[in-house]
Amino acid sequence: MDALYTAVATATHGRDGRAVSSDGVLDLALGVPQAMGGNGQGTNPEQLFAAGYAACFGSALGLVGRQAKVDVSDAAVTAEVSIGKQGEGFGLAVILRVELPDSVDEATGRKLVEQAHQVCPYSNATRGNIEVDLVIE
């Protein structure tokens, strides 16, 4: 791969620590969610992954929309990232909920979402590793 950009971030103290990007733009307190026994003070890796995946998928959808000459600029992508026990460790599962503009018919929307799933780097990274469900709303 010929890298176009490399993001660098450092996390200290795991889920109850801090995450900081090398340029200082990202500087967040991390906290264990209440559902996992924490106090919920701070963001968590699943929220960060969900935000990144939703943004990346939205960009991929915009790319394939432009290529198909279909305006999806008002689309919204919501990523739901779940963590749970998997064997001896933990695993993730993702639901991507894509809300398309009313002007996009169902068949075209489904095709564009499927194409975006092939283009999106997050989808490519997770393919075959975790379950990712695509839902068009």
C-alpha atoms as a PDB file:
ATOM      1  CA  MET A   1       0.000   0.000   0.000  1.00  0.00           C
ATOM      2  CA  ASP A   2       1.227   3.499  -0.834  1.00  0.00           C
ATOM      3  CA  ALA A   3       0.152   5.485   2.245  1.00  0.00           C
ATOM      4  CA  LEU A   4      -1.516   8.831   1.569  1.00  0.00           C
ATOM      5  CA  TYR A   5      -1.697   9.729   5.270  1.00  0.00           C
ATOM      6  CA  THR A   6      -0.734   8.145   8.576  1.00  0.00           C
ATOM      7  CA  ALA A   7      -2.575   9.009  11.770  1.00  0.00           C
ATOM      8  CA  VAL A   8      -0.640   8.588  14.997  1.00  0.00           C
ATOM      9  CA  ALA A   9      -2.229   8.441  18.436  1.00  0.00           C
ATOM     10  CA  THR A  10      -1.047   7.257  21.820  1.00  0.00           C
ATOM     11  CA  ALA A  11      -3.253   5.842  24.562  1.00  0.00           C
ATOM     12  CA  THR A  12      -2.110   5.605  28.161  1.00  0.00           C
ATOM     13  CA  HIS A  13      -3.705   3.630  30.997  1.00  0.00           C
ATOM     14  CA  GLY A  14      -5.993   1.614  28.697  1.00  0.00           C
ATOM     15  CA  ARG A  15      -9.725   2.198  28.871  1.00  0.00           C
ATOM     16  CA  ASP A  16      -9.406   4.480  31.926  1.00  0.00           C
ATOM     17  CA  GLY A  17      -6.739   6.726  30.481  1.00  0.00           C
ATOM     18  CA  ARG A  18      -6.232   9.262  27.762  1.00  0.00           C
ATOM     19  CA  ALA A  19      -5.845   9.197  23.975  1.00  0.00           C
ATOM     20  CA  VAL A  20      -3.813  11.905  22.254  1.00  0.00           C
ATOM     21  CA  SER A  21      -2.976  12.318  18.568  1.00  0.00           C
ATOM     22  CA  SER A  22       0.555  13.261  17.560  1.00  0.00           C
ATOM     23  CA  ASP A  23      -0.643  16.692  16.373  1.00  0.00           C
ATOM     24  CA  GLY A  24      -2.620  17.314  19.587  1.00  0.00           C
ATOM     25  CA  VAL A  25      -5.920  17.831  17.750  1.00  0.00           C
ATOM     26  CA  LEU A  26      -7.362  14.738  19.435  1.00  0.00           C
ATOM     27  CA  ASP A  27      -6.948  14.757  23.211  1.00  0.00           C
ATOM     28  CA  LEU A  28      -9.612  12.751  25.001  1.00  0.00           C
ATOM     29  CA  ALA A  29     -10.208  11.260  28.393  1.00  0.00           C
ATOM     30  CA  LEU A  30     -11.110   7.583  28.129  1.00  0.00           C
ATOM     31  CA  GLY A  31     -13.500   5.776  30.438  1.00  0.00           C
ATOM     32  CA  VAL A  32     -15.050   2.367  30.789  1.00  0.00           C
ATOM     33  CA  PRO A  33     -18.774   2.445  29.873  1.00  0.00           C
ATOM     34  CA  GLN A  34     -21.220   1.941  32.714  1.00  0.00           C
ATOM     35  CA  ALA A  35     -22.548  -1.164  30.914  1.00  0.00           C
ATOM     36  CA  MET A  36     -19.089  -2.686  31.365  1.00  0.00           C
ATOM     37  CA  GLY A  37     -18.737  -1.734  35.038  1.00  0.00           C
ATOM     38  CA  GLY A  38     -17.129   1.683  34.651  1.00  0.00           C
ATOM     39  CA  ASN A  39     -18.263   5.140  35.573  1.00  0.00           C
ATOM     40  CA  GLY A  40     -18.812   6.218  31.944  1.00  0.00           C
ATOM     41  CA  GLN A  41     -16.663   9.314  32.401  1.00  0.00           C
ATOM     42  CA  GLY A  42     -14.954   9.785  29.049  1.00  0.00           C
ATOM     43  CA  THR A  43     -15.248   8.268  25.635  1.00  0.00           C
ATOM     44  CA  ASN A  44     -14.323   4.678  24.850  1.00  0.00           C
ATOM     45  CA  PRO A  45     -12.658   2.815  21.990  1.00  0.00           C
ATOM     46  CA  GLU A  46     -15.986   1.590  20.609  1.00  0.00           C
ATOM     47  CA  GLN A  47     -17.325   5.159  20.321  1.00  0.00           C
ATOM     48  CA  LEU A  48     -14.136   6.269  18.579  1.00  0.00           C
ATOM     49  CA  PHE A  49     -14.311   3.320  16.190  1.00  0.00           C
ATOM     50  CA  ALA A  50     -18.007   4.023  15.508  1.00  0.00           C
ATOM     51  CA  ALA A  51     -17.299   7.691  14.731  1.00  0.00           C
ATOM     52  CA  GLY A  52     -14.403   6.818  12.441  1.00  0.00           C
ATOM     53  CA  TYR A  53     -16.283   4.070  10.620  1.00  0.00           C
ATOM     54  CA  ALA A  54     -19.405   6.224  10.131  1.00  0.00           C
ATOM     55  CA  ALA A  55     -17.359   9.137   8.747  1.00  0.00           C
ATOM     56  CA  CYS A  56     -15.253   6.925   6.492  1.00  0.00           C
ATOM     57  CA  PHE A  57     -18.280   5.040   5.163  1.00  0.00           C
ATOM     58  CA  GLY A  58     -20.055   8.336   4.496  1.00  0.00           C
ATOM     59  CA  SER A  59     -17.083   9.486   2.422  1.00  0.00           C
ATOM     60  CA  ALA A  60     -17.006   6.192   0.514  1.00  0.00           C
ATOM     61  CA  LEU A  61     -20.737   6.552  -0.170  1.00  0.00           C
ATOM     62  CA  GLY A  62     -20.152  10.078  -1.457  1.00  0.00           C
ATOM     63  CA  LEU A  63     -17.411   8.821  -3.782  1.00  0.00           C
ATOM     64  CA  VAL A  64     -19.508   6.054  -5.335  1.00  0.00           C
ATOM     65  CA  GLY A  65     -22.488   8.422  -5.521  1.00  0.00           C
ATOM     66  CA  ARG A  66     -20.468  10.977  -7.480  1.00  0.00           C
ATOM     67  CA  GLN A  67     -19.179   8.250  -9.793  1.00  0.00           C
ATOM     68  CA  ALA A  68     -22.779   7.121 -10.427  1.00  0.00           C
ATOM     69  CA  LYS A  69     -23.954  10.743 -10.720  1.00  0.00           C
ATOM     70  CA  VAL A  70     -26.362  10.260  -7.807  1.00  0.00           C
ATOM     71  CA  ASP A  71     -26.519  12.980  -5.143  1.00  0.00           C
ATOM     72  CA  VAL A  72     -26.096  11.378  -1.736  1.00  0.00           C
ATOM     73  CA  SER A  73     -24.555  14.452  -0.118  1.00  0.00           C
ATOM     74  CA  ASP A  74     -27.362  14.570   2.464  1.00  0.00           C
ATOM     75  CA  ALA A  75     -26.919  10.923   3.505  1.00  0.00           C
ATOM     76  CA  ALA A  76     -26.254  10.136   7.156  1.00  0.00           C
ATOM     77  CA  VAL A  77     -24.372   7.085   8.427  1.00  0.00           C
ATOM     78  CA  THR A  78     -24.757   5.828  11.982  1.00  0.00           C
ATOM     79  CA  ALA A  79     -22.374   3.122  13.149  1.00  0.00           C
ATOM     80  CA  GLU A  80     -23.349   0.938  16.089  1.00  0.00           C
ATOM     81  CA  VAL A  81     -20.295  -0.866  17.452  1.00  0.00           C
ATOM     82  CA  SER A  82     -20.928  -3.608  20.000  1.00  0.00           C
ATOM     83  CA  ILE A  83     -18.356  -5.387  22.140  1.00  0.00           C
ATOM     84  CA  GLY A  84     -18.963  -8.728  23.799  1.00  0.00           C
ATOM     85  CA  LYS A  85     -17.438 -11.966  24.916  1.00  0.00           C
ATOM     86  CA  GLN A  86     -16.178 -14.149  22.082  1.00  0.00           C
ATOM     87  CA  GLY A  87     -14.562 -17.398  23.052  1.00  0.00           C
ATOM     88  CA  GLU A  88     -11.828 -16.691  25.583  1.00  0.00           C
ATOM     89  CA  GLY A  89     -11.624 -13.011  24.634  1.00  0.00           C
ATOM     90  CA  PHE A  90     -13.759 -10.261  23.241  1.00  0.00           C
ATOM     91  CA  GLY A  91     -15.137  -9.447  19.811  1.00  0.00           C
ATOM     92  CA  LEU A  92     -16.837  -6.621  17.973  1.00  0.00           C
ATOM     93  CA  ALA A  93     -19.905  -6.410  15.747  1.00  0.00           C
ATOM     94  CA  VAL A  94     -21.051  -3.439  13.674  1.00  0.00           C
ATOM     95  CA  ILE A  95     -24.352  -2.256  12.277  1.00  0.00           C
ATOM     96  CA  LEU A  96     -24.100   0.551   9.725  1.00  0.00           C
ATOM     97  CA  ARG A  97     -27.397   2.414   9.390  1.00  0.00           C
ATOM     98  CA  VAL A  98     -27.462   4.491   6.208  1.00  0.00           C
ATOM     99  CA  GLU A  99     -30.139   7.128   5.802  1.00  0.00           C
ATOM    100  CA  LEU A 100     -30.303   8.123   2.138  1.00  0.00           C
ATOM    101  CA  PRO A 101     -32.014  11.181   0.654  1.00  0.00           C
ATOM    102  CA  ASP A 102     -35.641  10.622  -0.419  1.00  0.00           C
ATOM    103  CA  SER A 103     -34.591  11.303  -4.020  1.00  0.00           C
ATOM    104  CA  VAL A 104     -32.619   8.022  -4.136  1.00  0.00           C
ATOM    105  CA  ASP A 105     -34.757   4.989  -4.986  1.00  0.00           C
ATOM    106  CA  GLU A 106     -34.358   1.759  -3.008  1.00  0.00           C
ATOM    107  CA  ALA A 107     -32.536  -0.269  -5.685  1.00  0.00           C
ATOM    108  CA  THR A 108     -30.055   2.504  -6.449  1.00  0.00           C
ATOM    109  CA  GLY A 109     -29.499   3.136  -2.751  1.00  0.00           C
ATOM    110  CA  ARG A 110     -28.819  -0.539  -2.051  1.00  0.00           C
ATOM    111  CA  LYS A 111     -26.340  -0.680  -4.942  1.00  0.00           C
ATOM    112  CA  LEU A 112     -24.497   2.435  -3.772  1.00  0.00           C
ATOM    113  CA  VAL A 113     -24.314   1.213  -0.167  1.00  0.00           C
ATOM    114  CA  GLU A 114     -22.933  -2.150  -1.313  1.00  0.00           C
ATOM    115  CA  GLN A 115     -20.366  -0.377  -3.511  1.00  0.00           C
ATOM    116  CA  ALA A 116     -19.366   1.894  -0.631  1.00  0.00           C
ATOM    117  CA  HIS A 117     -18.863  -1.213   1.512  1.00  0.00           C
ATOM    118  CA  GLN A 118     -16.334  -2.449  -1.072  1.00  0.00           C
ATOM    119  CA  VAL A 119     -14.494   0.909  -1.196  1.00  0.00           C
ATOM    120  CA  CYS A 120     -14.453   1.977   2.477  1.00  0.00           C
ATOM    121  CA  PRO A 121     -11.103   1.262   4.189  1.00  0.00           C
ATOM    122  CA  TYR A 122     -12.859   0.402   7.468  1.00  0.00           C
ATOM    123  CA  SER A 123     -15.068  -2.119   5.664  1.00  0.00           C
ATOM    124  CA  ASN A 124     -12.007  -3.596   3.976  1.00  0.00           C
ATOM    125  CA  ALA A 125     -10.166  -3.818   7.304  1.00  0.00           C
ATOM    126  CA  THR A 126     -13.062  -5.537   9.073  1.00  0.00           C
ATOM    127  CA  ARG A 127     -14.185  -7.835   6.225  1.00  0.00           C
ATOM    128  CA  GLY A 128     -13.901 -11.449   7.329  1.00  0.00           C
ATOM    129  CA  ASN A 129     -12.931 -10.387  10.855  1.00  0.00           C
ATOM    130  CA  ILE A 130     -16.140  -9.049  12.383  1.00  0.00           C
ATOM    131  CA  GLU A 131     -19.796  -9.077  11.447  1.00  0.00           C
ATOM    132  CA  VAL A 132     -20.884  -5.874   9.683  1.00  0.00           C
ATOM    133  CA  ASP A 133     -24.578  -5.499   8.869  1.00  0.00           C
ATOM    134  CA  LEU A 134     -25.741  -2.840   6.409  1.00  0.00           C
ATOM    135  CA  VAL A 135     -29.162  -1.332   7.057  1.00  0.00           C
ATOM    136  CA  ILE A 136     -30.726   1.228   4.728  1.00  0.00           C
ATOM    137  CA  GLU A 137     -33.264   3.456   6.409  1.00  0.00           C
END
